[in-house]
N, C-alpha and C. Protein backbone atom coordinates (compact mmCIF):
# COMPACT_ATOMS: atom_id res chain seq x y z
N MET A 1 91.16 117.10 99.81
CA MET A 1 91.98 116.18 99.03
C MET A 1 92.95 116.97 98.15
N GLU A 2 94.21 116.59 98.22
CA GLU A 2 95.23 117.22 97.38
C GLU A 2 96.00 116.13 96.66
N ILE A 3 96.42 116.43 95.45
CA ILE A 3 97.32 115.52 94.73
C ILE A 3 98.53 116.32 94.29
N PRO A 4 99.72 115.69 94.25
CA PRO A 4 99.93 114.27 94.50
C PRO A 4 99.63 113.87 95.96
N TYR A 5 99.21 112.61 96.13
CA TYR A 5 99.04 112.07 97.47
C TYR A 5 100.42 111.85 98.09
N ARG A 6 100.46 111.92 99.43
CA ARG A 6 101.74 111.66 100.11
C ARG A 6 102.15 110.21 99.92
N ASP A 7 101.20 109.29 100.12
CA ASP A 7 101.47 107.87 100.01
C ASP A 7 100.13 107.15 99.90
N ARG A 8 100.15 105.83 99.94
CA ARG A 8 98.91 105.07 99.81
C ARG A 8 97.97 105.28 100.99
N ALA A 9 98.52 105.50 102.17
CA ALA A 9 97.66 105.75 103.34
C ALA A 9 96.89 107.06 103.16
N ASP A 10 97.56 108.07 102.64
CA ASP A 10 96.91 109.35 102.37
C ASP A 10 95.82 109.16 101.31
N ALA A 11 96.13 108.41 100.27
CA ALA A 11 95.16 108.15 99.21
C ALA A 11 93.95 107.39 99.75
N ALA A 12 94.21 106.44 100.65
CA ALA A 12 93.11 105.65 101.23
C ALA A 12 92.15 106.53 102.02
N ARG A 13 92.67 107.51 102.72
CA ARG A 13 91.80 108.42 103.47
C ARG A 13 90.88 109.20 102.52
N ALA A 14 91.42 109.62 101.38
CA ALA A 14 90.60 110.33 100.40
C ALA A 14 89.51 109.43 99.84
N VAL A 15 89.86 108.19 99.56
CA VAL A 15 88.87 107.24 99.04
C VAL A 15 87.80 106.96 100.10
N SER A 16 88.21 106.75 101.33
CA SER A 16 87.26 106.46 102.41
C SER A 16 86.27 107.60 102.59
N ALA A 17 86.76 108.83 102.53
CA ALA A 17 85.88 109.99 102.66
C ALA A 17 84.87 110.04 101.52
N SER A 18 85.31 109.66 100.34
CA SER A 18 84.42 109.68 99.17
C SER A 18 83.40 108.55 99.20
N LEU A 19 83.62 107.56 100.05
CA LEU A 19 82.69 106.44 100.19
C LEU A 19 81.70 106.66 101.33
N SER A 20 81.52 107.90 101.77
CA SER A 20 80.72 108.17 102.96
C SER A 20 79.29 107.66 102.84
N ARG A 21 78.75 107.60 101.62
CA ARG A 21 77.37 107.13 101.47
C ARG A 21 77.23 105.64 101.77
N TYR A 22 78.37 104.94 101.90
CA TYR A 22 78.33 103.51 102.21
C TYR A 22 78.66 103.22 103.67
N TRP A 23 78.95 104.24 104.47
CA TRP A 23 79.46 104.02 105.81
C TRP A 23 78.52 103.21 106.71
N LYS A 24 77.24 103.37 106.57
CA LYS A 24 76.30 102.72 107.50
C LYS A 24 75.75 101.39 106.96
N ARG A 25 76.27 100.93 105.85
CA ARG A 25 75.80 99.67 105.30
C ARG A 25 76.52 98.50 105.97
N ASP A 26 75.80 97.39 106.12
CA ASP A 26 76.39 96.24 106.81
C ASP A 26 76.57 95.04 105.88
N ASP A 27 76.45 95.25 104.56
CA ASP A 27 76.57 94.13 103.62
C ASP A 27 77.84 94.22 102.78
N MET A 28 78.82 95.01 103.23
CA MET A 28 79.97 95.32 102.39
C MET A 28 81.12 94.34 102.59
N VAL A 29 81.86 94.15 101.51
CA VAL A 29 83.14 93.46 101.51
C VAL A 29 84.11 94.33 100.72
N VAL A 30 85.30 94.54 101.24
CA VAL A 30 86.33 95.32 100.54
C VAL A 30 87.37 94.36 99.97
N LEU A 31 87.59 94.44 98.67
CA LEU A 31 88.60 93.62 98.01
C LEU A 31 89.72 94.51 97.49
N GLY A 32 90.94 94.21 97.94
CA GLY A 32 92.11 94.95 97.46
C GLY A 32 92.77 94.20 96.32
N LEU A 33 93.07 94.90 95.24
CA LEU A 33 93.80 94.28 94.14
C LEU A 33 95.27 94.22 94.51
N ALA A 34 95.79 92.99 94.53
CA ALA A 34 97.20 92.81 94.91
C ALA A 34 98.10 93.18 93.75
N ARG A 35 99.23 93.84 94.08
CA ARG A 35 99.68 94.07 95.44
C ARG A 35 99.37 95.51 95.90
N GLY A 36 99.53 96.47 95.00
CA GLY A 36 99.47 97.87 95.41
C GLY A 36 98.15 98.33 95.98
N GLY A 37 97.06 97.65 95.62
CA GLY A 37 95.77 98.06 96.13
C GLY A 37 95.47 97.61 97.54
N VAL A 38 96.23 96.64 98.05
CA VAL A 38 95.91 96.09 99.37
C VAL A 38 96.14 97.09 100.50
N PRO A 39 97.25 97.87 100.52
CA PRO A 39 97.39 98.86 101.59
C PRO A 39 96.26 99.90 101.58
N VAL A 40 95.80 100.28 100.40
CA VAL A 40 94.69 101.22 100.30
C VAL A 40 93.41 100.55 100.80
N ALA A 41 93.18 99.32 100.35
CA ALA A 41 91.97 98.60 100.74
C ALA A 41 91.91 98.34 102.24
N ALA A 42 93.06 98.04 102.85
CA ALA A 42 93.08 97.77 104.29
C ALA A 42 92.60 98.97 105.08
N GLU A 43 93.02 100.15 104.69
CA GLU A 43 92.57 101.37 105.38
C GLU A 43 91.10 101.65 105.09
N VAL A 44 90.67 101.43 103.85
CA VAL A 44 89.27 101.62 103.50
C VAL A 44 88.38 100.67 104.30
N ALA A 45 88.79 99.41 104.38
CA ALA A 45 88.02 98.42 105.15
C ALA A 45 87.93 98.82 106.61
N ARG A 46 89.04 99.31 107.16
CA ARG A 46 89.03 99.73 108.56
C ARG A 46 88.05 100.89 108.75
N SER A 47 88.06 101.86 107.82
CA SER A 47 87.18 103.02 107.94
C SER A 47 85.71 102.63 107.81
N LEU A 48 85.43 101.69 106.91
CA LEU A 48 84.05 101.28 106.69
C LEU A 48 83.59 100.20 107.66
N LYS A 49 84.54 99.70 108.49
CA LYS A 49 84.24 98.59 109.41
C LYS A 49 83.70 97.39 108.62
N ALA A 50 84.37 97.10 107.49
CA ALA A 50 83.96 96.02 106.60
C ALA A 50 85.05 94.97 106.53
N PRO A 51 84.71 93.73 106.24
CA PRO A 51 85.74 92.69 106.08
C PRO A 51 86.60 92.95 104.85
N LEU A 52 87.85 92.53 104.94
CA LEU A 52 88.82 92.73 103.87
C LEU A 52 89.20 91.39 103.25
N ASP A 53 89.34 91.38 101.94
CA ASP A 53 89.88 90.22 101.25
C ASP A 53 90.74 90.73 100.09
N VAL A 54 91.39 89.79 99.41
CA VAL A 54 92.32 90.14 98.34
C VAL A 54 91.82 89.54 97.04
N LEU A 55 92.06 90.25 95.95
CA LEU A 55 91.79 89.74 94.62
C LEU A 55 93.07 89.93 93.81
N ILE A 56 93.54 88.85 93.24
CA ILE A 56 94.82 88.88 92.55
C ILE A 56 94.59 89.01 91.06
N VAL A 57 95.10 90.10 90.50
CA VAL A 57 94.99 90.38 89.08
C VAL A 57 96.40 90.64 88.56
N ARG A 58 96.72 90.06 87.42
CA ARG A 58 98.04 90.22 86.82
C ARG A 58 97.91 90.83 85.43
N LYS A 59 98.64 91.89 85.19
CA LYS A 59 98.62 92.54 83.89
C LYS A 59 99.35 91.70 82.85
N LEU A 60 98.83 91.68 81.64
CA LEU A 60 99.53 91.11 80.49
C LEU A 60 100.18 92.26 79.74
N GLY A 61 101.50 92.34 79.82
CA GLY A 61 102.22 93.47 79.22
C GLY A 61 102.63 93.19 77.78
N MET A 62 102.68 94.25 76.99
CA MET A 62 103.11 94.14 75.61
C MET A 62 104.57 93.66 75.56
N PRO A 63 104.89 92.61 74.78
CA PRO A 63 106.29 92.17 74.66
C PRO A 63 107.20 93.33 74.25
N GLY A 64 108.24 93.55 75.04
CA GLY A 64 109.15 94.66 74.79
C GLY A 64 108.71 95.96 75.41
N GLN A 65 107.44 96.08 75.78
CA GLN A 65 106.90 97.26 76.45
C GLN A 65 105.99 96.81 77.58
N PRO A 66 106.55 96.23 78.63
CA PRO A 66 105.73 95.60 79.67
C PRO A 66 104.78 96.54 80.40
N GLU A 67 105.05 97.85 80.37
CA GLU A 67 104.16 98.78 81.04
C GLU A 67 102.89 99.05 80.23
N LEU A 68 102.89 98.68 78.95
CA LEU A 68 101.71 98.86 78.10
C LEU A 68 100.83 97.62 78.22
N ALA A 69 99.63 97.78 78.73
CA ALA A 69 98.77 96.64 79.02
C ALA A 69 98.09 96.11 77.76
N VAL A 70 98.29 94.82 77.54
CA VAL A 70 97.55 94.11 76.50
C VAL A 70 96.24 93.58 77.07
N GLY A 71 96.24 93.32 78.36
CA GLY A 71 95.07 92.81 79.05
C GLY A 71 95.45 92.43 80.46
N ALA A 72 94.65 91.55 81.06
CA ALA A 72 94.92 91.12 82.44
C ALA A 72 94.27 89.78 82.68
N VAL A 73 94.81 89.04 83.65
CA VAL A 73 94.21 87.80 84.11
C VAL A 73 93.99 87.90 85.61
N ALA A 74 93.07 87.07 86.11
CA ALA A 74 92.73 87.15 87.53
C ALA A 74 92.32 85.78 88.04
N SER A 75 92.14 85.72 89.36
CA SER A 75 91.69 84.50 90.02
C SER A 75 90.49 83.91 89.29
N GLY A 76 90.48 82.57 89.17
CA GLY A 76 89.40 81.92 88.46
C GLY A 76 89.65 81.74 86.98
N GLY A 77 90.86 82.10 86.52
CA GLY A 77 91.21 81.93 85.12
C GLY A 77 90.61 82.96 84.19
N ILE A 78 90.12 84.07 84.73
CA ILE A 78 89.53 85.13 83.92
C ILE A 78 90.62 85.86 83.14
N ARG A 79 90.37 86.11 81.84
CA ARG A 79 91.28 86.93 81.05
C ARG A 79 90.47 88.01 80.34
N VAL A 80 90.95 89.25 80.44
CA VAL A 80 90.35 90.39 79.76
C VAL A 80 91.41 91.01 78.87
N LEU A 81 91.09 91.26 77.60
CA LEU A 81 92.06 91.84 76.67
C LEU A 81 91.65 93.27 76.28
N ASN A 82 92.66 94.11 76.05
CA ASN A 82 92.44 95.44 75.49
C ASN A 82 92.50 95.31 73.96
N PRO A 83 91.37 95.45 73.26
CA PRO A 83 91.37 95.22 71.81
C PRO A 83 92.38 96.09 71.06
N GLU A 84 92.59 97.32 71.55
CA GLU A 84 93.47 98.24 70.84
C GLU A 84 94.92 97.78 70.82
N THR A 85 95.35 97.08 71.87
CA THR A 85 96.74 96.64 71.94
C THR A 85 96.91 95.15 71.66
N ALA A 86 95.91 94.34 72.00
CA ALA A 86 96.02 92.90 71.80
C ALA A 86 96.16 92.53 70.32
N LEU A 87 95.68 93.40 69.45
CA LEU A 87 95.80 93.16 68.01
C LEU A 87 97.25 93.03 67.56
N PHE A 88 98.17 93.61 68.32
CA PHE A 88 99.56 93.65 67.91
C PHE A 88 100.39 92.51 68.54
N VAL A 89 99.72 91.57 69.20
CA VAL A 89 100.40 90.45 69.85
C VAL A 89 99.87 89.15 69.26
N SER A 90 100.76 88.24 68.95
CA SER A 90 100.35 86.97 68.37
C SER A 90 99.58 86.14 69.39
N GLU A 91 98.73 85.23 68.87
CA GLU A 91 97.96 84.36 69.76
C GLU A 91 98.88 83.49 70.60
N GLN A 92 99.98 83.04 70.01
CA GLN A 92 100.94 82.22 70.76
C GLN A 92 101.53 83.00 71.92
N ALA A 93 101.91 84.25 71.66
CA ALA A 93 102.48 85.08 72.73
C ALA A 93 101.44 85.36 73.80
N LEU A 94 100.19 85.60 73.41
CA LEU A 94 99.12 85.83 74.38
C LEU A 94 98.91 84.61 75.27
N GLU A 95 98.91 83.43 74.66
CA GLU A 95 98.69 82.21 75.43
C GLU A 95 99.83 81.96 76.40
N GLU A 96 101.06 82.25 75.98
CA GLU A 96 102.21 82.05 76.86
C GLU A 96 102.17 83.03 78.03
N MET A 97 101.86 84.30 77.74
CA MET A 97 101.75 85.29 78.81
C MET A 97 100.65 84.91 79.78
N THR A 98 99.53 84.47 79.24
CA THR A 98 98.40 84.08 80.08
C THR A 98 98.77 82.93 81.00
N ARG A 99 99.40 81.90 80.45
CA ARG A 99 99.81 80.74 81.26
C ARG A 99 100.75 81.17 82.38
N ARG A 100 101.75 81.99 82.04
CA ARG A 100 102.75 82.42 83.02
C ARG A 100 102.12 83.24 84.14
N GLU A 101 101.25 84.17 83.76
CA GLU A 101 100.66 85.05 84.78
C GLU A 101 99.63 84.32 85.63
N LEU A 102 98.93 83.36 85.06
CA LEU A 102 97.99 82.57 85.88
C LEU A 102 98.73 81.71 86.89
N GLU A 103 99.92 81.23 86.53
CA GLU A 103 100.74 80.52 87.51
C GLU A 103 101.12 81.43 88.67
N GLU A 104 101.41 82.70 88.36
CA GLU A 104 101.74 83.67 89.42
C GLU A 104 100.53 83.96 90.28
N VAL A 105 99.35 84.04 89.68
CA VAL A 105 98.12 84.23 90.45
C VAL A 105 97.95 83.10 91.45
N THR A 106 98.16 81.86 91.00
CA THR A 106 98.03 80.70 91.89
C THR A 106 99.04 80.75 93.02
N ARG A 107 100.28 81.14 92.70
CA ARG A 107 101.32 81.23 93.73
C ARG A 107 100.93 82.25 94.80
N ARG A 108 100.46 83.40 94.35
CA ARG A 108 100.11 84.46 95.31
C ARG A 108 98.89 84.10 96.14
N GLU A 109 97.93 83.44 95.52
CA GLU A 109 96.75 82.99 96.28
C GLU A 109 97.20 82.16 97.48
N ALA A 110 98.10 81.21 97.24
CA ALA A 110 98.57 80.34 98.32
C ALA A 110 99.36 81.12 99.36
N LEU A 111 100.20 82.04 98.90
CA LEU A 111 101.05 82.80 99.81
C LEU A 111 100.24 83.75 100.69
N TYR A 112 99.31 84.48 100.09
CA TYR A 112 98.57 85.51 100.83
C TYR A 112 97.51 84.91 101.75
N ARG A 113 96.87 83.86 101.30
CA ARG A 113 95.73 83.34 102.06
C ARG A 113 96.14 82.40 103.19
N GLY A 114 97.23 81.67 103.01
CA GLY A 114 97.63 80.72 104.03
C GLY A 114 96.56 79.70 104.34
N GLY A 115 95.83 79.29 103.32
CA GLY A 115 94.78 78.29 103.51
C GLY A 115 93.40 78.86 103.81
N ARG A 116 93.29 80.17 104.01
CA ARG A 116 91.97 80.76 104.27
C ARG A 116 91.15 80.80 102.99
N PRO A 117 89.88 80.44 103.06
CA PRO A 117 89.03 80.51 101.85
C PRO A 117 88.66 81.96 101.56
N PRO A 118 88.34 82.27 100.30
CA PRO A 118 87.85 83.61 99.98
C PRO A 118 86.53 83.89 100.68
N LEU A 119 86.26 85.17 100.91
CA LEU A 119 84.98 85.55 101.48
C LEU A 119 83.85 85.28 100.48
N ASP A 120 82.68 85.00 101.00
CA ASP A 120 81.50 84.80 100.17
C ASP A 120 81.00 86.16 99.70
N LEU A 121 80.92 86.35 98.40
CA LEU A 121 80.53 87.65 97.84
C LEU A 121 79.07 87.69 97.40
N ARG A 122 78.41 86.57 97.41
CA ARG A 122 77.03 86.51 96.92
C ARG A 122 76.12 87.44 97.74
N GLY A 123 75.41 88.31 97.05
CA GLY A 123 74.47 89.20 97.71
C GLY A 123 75.10 90.33 98.49
N ARG A 124 76.42 90.51 98.37
CA ARG A 124 77.13 91.57 99.12
C ARG A 124 77.42 92.76 98.21
N THR A 125 77.63 93.91 98.83
CA THR A 125 78.15 95.08 98.11
C THR A 125 79.66 94.99 98.15
N VAL A 126 80.28 94.81 97.00
CA VAL A 126 81.72 94.58 96.92
C VAL A 126 82.41 95.88 96.50
N ILE A 127 83.32 96.35 97.35
CA ILE A 127 84.11 97.54 97.06
C ILE A 127 85.46 97.09 96.52
N LEU A 128 85.70 97.31 95.24
CA LEU A 128 86.96 96.92 94.60
C LEU A 128 87.93 98.08 94.66
N VAL A 129 89.07 97.88 95.31
CA VAL A 129 90.01 98.97 95.59
C VAL A 129 91.36 98.69 94.94
N ASP A 130 91.90 99.70 94.26
CA ASP A 130 93.28 99.66 93.79
C ASP A 130 93.91 101.01 94.10
N ASP A 131 95.24 101.11 93.89
CA ASP A 131 95.91 102.39 94.21
C ASP A 131 95.85 103.38 93.06
N GLY A 132 95.16 103.02 91.99
CA GLY A 132 94.97 103.91 90.86
C GLY A 132 94.69 103.09 89.62
N LEU A 133 94.19 103.75 88.58
CA LEU A 133 93.92 103.10 87.31
C LEU A 133 94.62 103.85 86.20
N ALA A 134 95.10 103.10 85.23
CA ALA A 134 95.64 103.72 84.01
C ALA A 134 94.75 103.30 82.85
N THR A 135 95.01 102.12 82.25
CA THR A 135 94.14 101.64 81.18
C THR A 135 92.85 101.01 81.72
N GLY A 136 92.89 100.55 82.96
CA GLY A 136 91.72 99.91 83.54
C GLY A 136 91.61 98.42 83.26
N ALA A 137 92.61 97.83 82.58
CA ALA A 137 92.54 96.40 82.24
C ALA A 137 92.44 95.53 83.47
N SER A 138 93.25 95.82 84.49
CA SER A 138 93.22 95.01 85.71
C SER A 138 91.88 95.11 86.41
N MET A 139 91.31 96.30 86.46
CA MET A 139 90.02 96.46 87.12
C MET A 139 88.90 95.80 86.33
N ARG A 140 88.96 95.84 85.00
CA ARG A 140 87.97 95.13 84.20
C ARG A 140 88.00 93.64 84.51
N ALA A 141 89.21 93.08 84.62
CA ALA A 141 89.32 91.66 84.97
C ALA A 141 88.75 91.41 86.37
N ALA A 142 89.03 92.30 87.30
CA ALA A 142 88.53 92.16 88.67
C ALA A 142 87.01 92.19 88.70
N VAL A 143 86.41 93.11 87.96
CA VAL A 143 84.95 93.20 87.91
C VAL A 143 84.36 91.92 87.32
N SER A 144 85.00 91.38 86.29
CA SER A 144 84.53 90.13 85.68
C SER A 144 84.54 88.98 86.67
N VAL A 145 85.62 88.91 87.47
CA VAL A 145 85.71 87.86 88.49
C VAL A 145 84.60 88.00 89.51
N VAL A 146 84.42 89.20 90.03
CA VAL A 146 83.43 89.42 91.10
C VAL A 146 82.02 89.19 90.59
N ARG A 147 81.75 89.60 89.34
CA ARG A 147 80.40 89.46 88.79
C ARG A 147 79.95 88.01 88.78
N LYS A 148 80.87 87.08 88.60
CA LYS A 148 80.54 85.66 88.58
C LYS A 148 80.04 85.16 89.94
N HIS A 149 80.32 85.91 91.01
CA HIS A 149 79.90 85.51 92.36
C HIS A 149 78.54 86.08 92.73
N GLU A 150 77.88 86.76 91.81
CA GLU A 150 76.53 87.30 92.01
C GLU A 150 76.43 88.23 93.22
N PRO A 151 77.24 89.29 93.24
CA PRO A 151 77.12 90.27 94.32
C PRO A 151 75.87 91.11 94.14
N ALA A 152 75.48 91.81 95.20
CA ALA A 152 74.36 92.75 95.09
C ALA A 152 74.78 93.97 94.29
N ALA A 153 76.03 94.40 94.45
CA ALA A 153 76.54 95.58 93.73
C ALA A 153 78.06 95.54 93.72
N ILE A 154 78.64 96.15 92.71
CA ILE A 154 80.09 96.28 92.60
C ILE A 154 80.42 97.77 92.53
N VAL A 155 81.27 98.20 93.45
CA VAL A 155 81.72 99.59 93.52
C VAL A 155 83.22 99.63 93.27
N VAL A 156 83.65 100.34 92.25
CA VAL A 156 85.08 100.55 91.99
C VAL A 156 85.52 101.80 92.76
N ALA A 157 86.55 101.66 93.59
CA ALA A 157 87.01 102.77 94.42
C ALA A 157 88.53 102.90 94.29
N VAL A 158 88.97 104.00 93.70
CA VAL A 158 90.40 104.23 93.48
C VAL A 158 90.72 105.69 93.76
N PRO A 159 91.97 105.99 94.14
CA PRO A 159 92.33 107.37 94.45
C PRO A 159 92.46 108.26 93.22
N VAL A 160 92.93 107.71 92.10
CA VAL A 160 93.21 108.54 90.93
C VAL A 160 93.08 107.70 89.67
N ALA A 161 92.56 108.34 88.61
CA ALA A 161 92.40 107.65 87.32
C ALA A 161 92.05 108.69 86.26
N PRO A 162 92.39 108.40 85.00
CA PRO A 162 91.96 109.29 83.93
C PRO A 162 90.46 109.15 83.68
N ARG A 163 89.84 110.22 83.25
CA ARG A 163 88.39 110.23 83.06
C ARG A 163 87.93 109.21 82.03
N ASP A 164 88.68 109.04 80.94
CA ASP A 164 88.22 108.11 79.90
C ASP A 164 88.22 106.67 80.40
N THR A 165 89.16 106.32 81.28
CA THR A 165 89.17 104.97 81.85
C THR A 165 87.95 104.76 82.74
N LEU A 166 87.60 105.76 83.52
CA LEU A 166 86.42 105.63 84.37
C LEU A 166 85.15 105.49 83.54
N GLU A 167 85.07 106.24 82.45
CA GLU A 167 83.89 106.14 81.59
C GLU A 167 83.80 104.77 80.94
N MET A 168 84.95 104.17 80.61
CA MET A 168 84.95 102.83 80.05
C MET A 168 84.45 101.81 81.08
N LEU A 169 84.79 102.00 82.35
CA LEU A 169 84.39 101.07 83.40
C LEU A 169 82.95 101.26 83.88
N ARG A 170 82.43 102.45 83.70
CA ARG A 170 81.14 102.79 84.31
C ARG A 170 80.01 101.82 83.96
N PRO A 171 79.90 101.38 82.70
CA PRO A 171 78.80 100.44 82.39
C PRO A 171 78.99 99.05 82.99
N LEU A 172 80.20 98.75 83.46
CA LEU A 172 80.51 97.40 83.95
C LEU A 172 80.25 97.23 85.43
N CYS A 173 80.10 98.33 86.16
CA CYS A 173 79.92 98.25 87.61
C CYS A 173 78.72 99.09 88.02
N ASP A 174 78.44 99.11 89.32
CA ASP A 174 77.25 99.83 89.80
C ASP A 174 77.56 101.23 90.29
N ASP A 175 78.80 101.47 90.66
CA ASP A 175 79.19 102.80 91.15
C ASP A 175 80.70 102.92 91.03
N ILE A 176 81.18 104.15 90.86
CA ILE A 176 82.61 104.43 90.83
C ILE A 176 82.89 105.59 91.77
N VAL A 177 83.91 105.42 92.61
CA VAL A 177 84.38 106.49 93.49
C VAL A 177 85.84 106.75 93.16
N CYS A 178 86.15 108.00 92.79
CA CYS A 178 87.52 108.36 92.45
C CYS A 178 87.71 109.84 92.77
N PRO A 179 88.40 110.16 93.87
CA PRO A 179 88.54 111.57 94.27
C PRO A 179 89.31 112.44 93.29
N ALA A 180 90.23 111.87 92.52
CA ALA A 180 91.08 112.68 91.64
C ALA A 180 91.02 112.15 90.21
N THR A 181 90.62 113.01 89.29
CA THR A 181 90.58 112.65 87.87
C THR A 181 91.30 113.72 87.06
N PRO A 182 92.63 113.77 87.16
CA PRO A 182 93.39 114.82 86.48
C PRO A 182 93.22 114.75 84.96
N SER A 183 93.14 115.91 84.33
CA SER A 183 92.97 115.95 82.88
C SER A 183 94.22 115.47 82.15
N TRP A 184 95.38 115.68 82.76
CA TRP A 184 96.63 115.18 82.19
C TRP A 184 97.05 113.99 83.04
N PHE A 185 97.11 112.81 82.41
CA PHE A 185 97.43 111.60 83.16
C PHE A 185 98.46 110.81 82.37
N ARG A 186 99.57 110.51 83.01
CA ARG A 186 100.63 109.74 82.34
C ARG A 186 100.86 108.39 83.01
N ALA A 187 100.97 108.39 84.34
CA ALA A 187 101.20 107.15 85.08
C ALA A 187 100.71 107.34 86.50
N ILE A 188 100.25 106.25 87.12
CA ILE A 188 99.72 106.32 88.49
C ILE A 188 100.75 106.88 89.45
N GLY A 189 102.00 106.42 89.34
CA GLY A 189 103.04 106.81 90.28
C GLY A 189 103.32 108.30 90.32
N LEU A 190 102.98 109.03 89.26
CA LEU A 190 103.21 110.48 89.23
C LEU A 190 102.29 111.22 90.19
N TRP A 191 101.23 110.57 90.65
CA TRP A 191 100.27 111.22 91.53
C TRP A 191 100.48 110.86 93.00
N TYR A 192 101.66 110.29 93.28
CA TYR A 192 102.08 109.98 94.65
C TYR A 192 103.48 110.54 94.87
N LEU A 193 103.71 111.12 96.05
CA LEU A 193 105.07 111.49 96.42
C LEU A 193 105.88 110.25 96.79
N ASP A 194 105.22 109.29 97.42
CA ASP A 194 105.85 108.01 97.79
C ASP A 194 105.04 106.89 97.17
N PHE A 195 105.58 106.29 96.11
CA PHE A 195 104.89 105.21 95.42
C PHE A 195 105.79 103.97 95.39
N ARG A 196 106.32 103.66 96.56
CA ARG A 196 107.23 102.52 96.66
C ARG A 196 106.49 101.23 96.31
N GLN A 197 107.25 100.25 95.88
CA GLN A 197 106.68 98.95 95.54
C GLN A 197 106.17 98.25 96.79
N VAL A 198 105.04 97.61 96.68
CA VAL A 198 104.46 96.82 97.78
C VAL A 198 104.88 95.37 97.57
N GLY A 199 105.47 94.77 98.60
CA GLY A 199 105.96 93.40 98.49
C GLY A 199 104.95 92.38 98.97
N ASP A 200 105.23 91.12 98.66
CA ASP A 200 104.37 90.02 99.09
C ASP A 200 104.22 89.97 100.61
N ASP A 201 105.32 90.20 101.32
CA ASP A 201 105.28 90.12 102.78
C ASP A 201 104.32 91.16 103.36
N GLU A 202 104.35 92.37 102.79
CA GLU A 202 103.46 93.43 103.30
C GLU A 202 102.00 93.07 103.05
N VAL A 203 101.72 92.54 101.86
CA VAL A 203 100.34 92.13 101.55
C VAL A 203 99.87 91.06 102.53
N ALA A 204 100.69 90.03 102.73
CA ALA A 204 100.32 88.94 103.63
C ALA A 204 100.12 89.45 105.06
N THR A 205 100.98 90.38 105.49
CA THR A 205 100.87 90.93 106.85
C THR A 205 99.59 91.72 107.02
N LEU A 206 99.27 92.58 106.06
CA LEU A 206 98.04 93.40 106.15
C LEU A 206 96.80 92.52 106.17
N LEU A 207 96.77 91.51 105.31
CA LEU A 207 95.62 90.62 105.26
C LEU A 207 95.50 89.81 106.55
N GLY A 208 96.62 89.28 107.02
CA GLY A 208 96.59 88.49 108.25
C GLY A 208 96.12 89.32 109.44
N ARG A 209 96.60 90.55 109.52
CA ARG A 209 96.19 91.43 110.62
C ARG A 209 94.69 91.70 110.58
N SER A 210 94.17 91.97 109.37
CA SER A 210 92.74 92.24 109.24
C SER A 210 91.91 91.01 109.57
N TRP A 211 92.33 89.85 109.09
CA TRP A 211 91.58 88.63 109.35
C TRP A 211 91.59 88.27 110.83
N ARG A 212 92.73 88.48 111.51
CA ARG A 212 92.79 88.20 112.95
C ARG A 212 91.88 89.15 113.72
N ALA A 213 91.85 90.42 113.31
CA ALA A 213 90.99 91.40 113.98
C ALA A 213 89.52 91.04 113.79
N SER A 214 89.15 90.60 112.59
CA SER A 214 87.78 90.20 112.34
C SER A 214 87.39 88.99 113.15
N ALA A 215 88.31 88.03 113.26
CA ALA A 215 88.04 86.83 114.06
C ALA A 215 87.86 87.17 115.53
N ALA A 216 88.71 88.08 116.02
CA ALA A 216 88.61 88.49 117.43
C ALA A 216 87.30 89.22 117.70
N ALA A 217 86.90 90.09 116.75
CA ALA A 217 85.63 90.81 116.92
C ALA A 217 84.46 89.86 116.93
N GLY A 218 84.51 88.84 116.06
CA GLY A 218 83.45 87.85 116.03
C GLY A 218 83.37 87.03 117.31
N ALA A 219 84.53 86.74 117.86
CA ALA A 219 84.58 85.95 119.09
C ALA A 219 83.99 86.71 120.27
N HIS A 220 84.10 88.05 120.23
CA HIS A 220 83.60 88.86 121.35
C HIS A 220 82.21 89.43 121.11
N ALA A 221 81.65 89.12 119.94
CA ALA A 221 80.30 89.64 119.67
C ALA A 221 79.28 88.93 120.55
N PRO A 222 78.24 89.65 120.96
CA PRO A 222 77.22 89.03 121.82
C PRO A 222 76.43 88.00 121.06
């Protein structure tokens, strides 16, 4: 494994290799955090021979500094706040951001799924995949969503993240896989040579391809 990664496909290979202890398990579900985590998750799911699904999480950005996370919202109306930054935002502004981003979550759910129901996570080992972590707000929201479905275990799997963010997440999940934990961390995109934006069409295409492949495999199973 070398960083910077060439692209998300390169990062996915590093994550898949680090998940080798899960390769022979048959109770896994891979969830990609939309949008940037889905290309990574699709490759991880293919490597693990596990079903793929999407989890939509939207960051709540600081007014005037949208890259600074105040918190995040996710499917199911879950909201997680970063206490250190949320203190500087009024309750009215928080409620407005929350309403707006939950509307976007609903829009993307309809666009990506095309009427398909979410996978059943109860009793499964859920691998939560993103293309990297910074503050970890989005992943905290994702873990909160998944925990409500009573999985057997939650594994956070990302290509790169700062050590302090991983330590913050560790008590919330059952395992963390992260091949690269650079001591100097400024932004996820700095650890990729190609960190182009992932669009809605690409997410929908990757999910549709995976779902069709799973359906075909099921149809041909003995």
